[in-house]
Amino acid sequence: RWVNMGIKFANNASALLDGAITNSATSITLDDVSEFPALTVAGNYAFLTLANSAATKIEVIKVTAINTSTKVLTAVRGQDNTSAQAFDNGDICELRLTAGAIDAKLAESADHDGVPMAIALG
């Protein structure tokens, strides 16, 4: 039986860091989490991108929990061939389509007994 778990997406989800983070921080506080997908089922996750305003520093993170009360993300850092980096208060956190997210969704579809899935780009 297929269960609604795995990677989650949301259109145009964006927020700002509410406090600086080190390259080893796994709890990340944002100014708002309302646009990000709900990760309410165990095993739900989303890939988010951290970036400074000039986009000279970019890191993909895997978010495994979002506390909507405290606006804190629980994250695995340095995903999708990026390195964990320090970011400043006010830097950007967005849900962007990444190669890792597409690969994860394709792997999930293969694990669900042939449940069809299509991704249209462009």
Protein backbone atom coordinates (compact mmCIF):
# COMPACT_ATOMS: atom_id res chain seq x y z
CA ARG A 1 0.00 0.00 0.00
CA TRP A 2 1.32 3.44 -0.95
CA VAL A 3 1.72 5.90 1.93
CA ASN A 4 1.98 9.68 1.56
CA MET A 5 5.59 9.96 2.67
CA GLY A 6 8.82 11.05 1.11
CA ILE A 7 9.91 14.22 -0.62
CA LYS A 8 7.56 17.22 -0.46
CA PHE A 9 7.37 20.32 -2.63
CA ALA A 10 5.76 23.77 -2.49
CA ASN A 11 5.61 26.48 -5.13
CA ASN A 12 7.67 29.63 -4.59
CA ALA A 13 8.46 28.94 -0.92
CA SER A 14 10.93 31.45 0.45
CA ALA A 15 12.01 32.91 3.79
CA LEU A 16 14.95 34.63 5.44
CA LEU A 17 17.31 33.29 8.08
CA ASP A 18 16.41 34.66 11.51
CA GLY A 19 19.94 34.56 12.90
CA ALA A 20 23.32 33.54 11.57
CA ILE A 21 24.24 29.85 11.34
CA THR A 22 27.56 28.02 11.35
CA ASN A 23 28.50 25.36 8.83
CA SER A 24 27.68 22.67 11.42
CA ALA A 25 24.28 23.98 12.60
CA THR A 26 21.46 21.49 12.10
CA SER A 27 18.73 23.69 13.60
CA ILE A 28 17.99 26.70 11.40
CA THR A 29 15.56 29.44 12.43
CA LEU A 30 13.63 31.32 9.72
CA ASP A 31 11.50 34.45 9.83
CA ASP A 32 8.53 32.50 8.37
CA VAL A 33 7.83 28.85 7.52
CA SER A 34 4.24 29.13 6.27
CA GLU A 35 5.14 28.73 2.58
CA PHE A 36 7.14 25.52 3.03
CA PRO A 37 5.50 22.09 2.76
CA ALA A 38 4.17 20.43 5.90
CA LEU A 39 6.43 17.58 6.96
CA THR A 40 3.84 15.92 9.19
CA VAL A 41 4.43 12.24 8.39
CA ALA A 42 7.56 10.44 9.54
CA GLY A 43 9.85 10.14 6.54
CA ASN A 44 8.69 13.39 4.90
CA TYR A 45 11.46 15.76 3.83
CA ALA A 46 12.22 18.63 1.47
CA PHE A 47 15.35 19.92 -0.18
CA LEU A 48 15.84 23.64 0.45
CA THR A 49 18.54 26.00 -0.78
CA LEU A 50 20.42 28.47 1.40
CA ALA A 51 22.05 31.44 -0.35
CA ASN A 52 23.51 34.81 0.46
CA SER A 53 21.98 37.83 -1.28
CA ALA A 54 24.73 37.95 -3.91
CA ALA A 55 24.32 34.18 -4.56
CA THR A 56 28.06 33.72 -4.12
CA LYS A 57 27.39 31.11 -1.42
CA ILE A 58 24.82 28.38 -2.11
CA GLU A 59 24.08 25.21 -0.16
CA VAL A 60 21.36 22.58 -0.54
CA ILE A 61 19.99 21.14 2.71
CA LYS A 62 17.65 18.23 3.39
CA VAL A 63 14.98 19.35 5.86
CA THR A 64 13.47 16.51 7.87
CA ALA A 65 11.29 18.55 10.24
CA ILE A 66 9.76 22.03 10.43
CA ASN A 67 8.54 23.34 13.77
CA THR A 68 5.81 25.79 12.80
CA SER A 69 5.64 27.29 16.31
CA THR A 70 9.34 28.13 16.64
CA LYS A 71 10.01 28.41 12.87
CA VAL A 72 12.97 26.06 13.24
CA LEU A 73 14.07 23.64 10.53
CA THR A 74 15.91 20.41 11.31
CA ALA A 75 18.40 19.94 8.50
CA VAL A 76 21.06 17.66 7.08
CA ARG A 77 23.66 20.01 5.66
CA GLY A 78 25.69 19.96 2.43
CA GLN A 79 23.39 17.96 0.16
CA ASP A 80 23.33 17.53 -3.62
CA ASN A 81 27.07 18.08 -4.15
CA THR A 82 27.20 21.26 -2.07
CA SER A 83 29.27 21.98 1.03
CA ALA A 84 27.95 23.11 4.40
CA GLN A 85 28.70 26.81 4.85
CA ALA A 86 28.09 29.56 7.38
CA PHE A 87 25.27 31.99 6.54
CA ASP A 88 24.29 35.37 7.94
CA ASN A 89 21.10 36.69 9.46
CA GLY A 90 18.81 37.71 6.60
CA ASP A 91 20.27 35.28 4.05
CA ILE A 92 17.80 33.43 1.84
CA CYS A 93 16.19 30.01 2.28
CA GLU A 94 14.14 28.81 -0.69
CA LEU A 95 12.57 25.65 -2.02
CA ARG A 96 14.15 25.37 -5.47
CA LEU A 97 13.98 22.47 -7.89
CA THR A 98 17.34 20.68 -7.63
CA ALA A 99 18.82 17.63 -9.32
CA GLY A 100 18.80 15.85 -5.96
CA ALA A 101 15.07 16.51 -5.53
CA ILE A 102 14.29 15.10 -8.97
CA ASP A 103 16.49 12.06 -8.32
CA ALA A 104 14.75 11.47 -4.97
CA LYS A 105 11.29 11.67 -6.54
CA LEU A 106 12.26 9.30 -9.33
CA ALA A 107 13.67 6.83 -6.78
CA GLU A 108 10.44 7.04 -4.77
CA SER A 109 8.31 6.31 -7.83
CA ALA A 110 10.40 3.21 -8.53
CA ASP A 111 9.84 2.04 -4.93
CA HIS A 112 6.02 2.25 -5.08
CA ASP A 113 5.22 -0.82 -7.13
CA GLY A 114 5.08 1.00 -10.41
CA VAL A 115 2.92 3.95 -9.39
CA PRO A 116 3.23 6.17 -12.45
CA MET A 117 4.82 9.57 -12.16
CA ALA A 118 5.65 12.23 -14.70
CA ILE A 119 7.69 15.40 -14.40
CA ALA A 120 7.20 18.07 -17.04
CA LEU A 121 9.85 20.75 -17.30
CA GLY A 122 9.72 23.82 -19.48
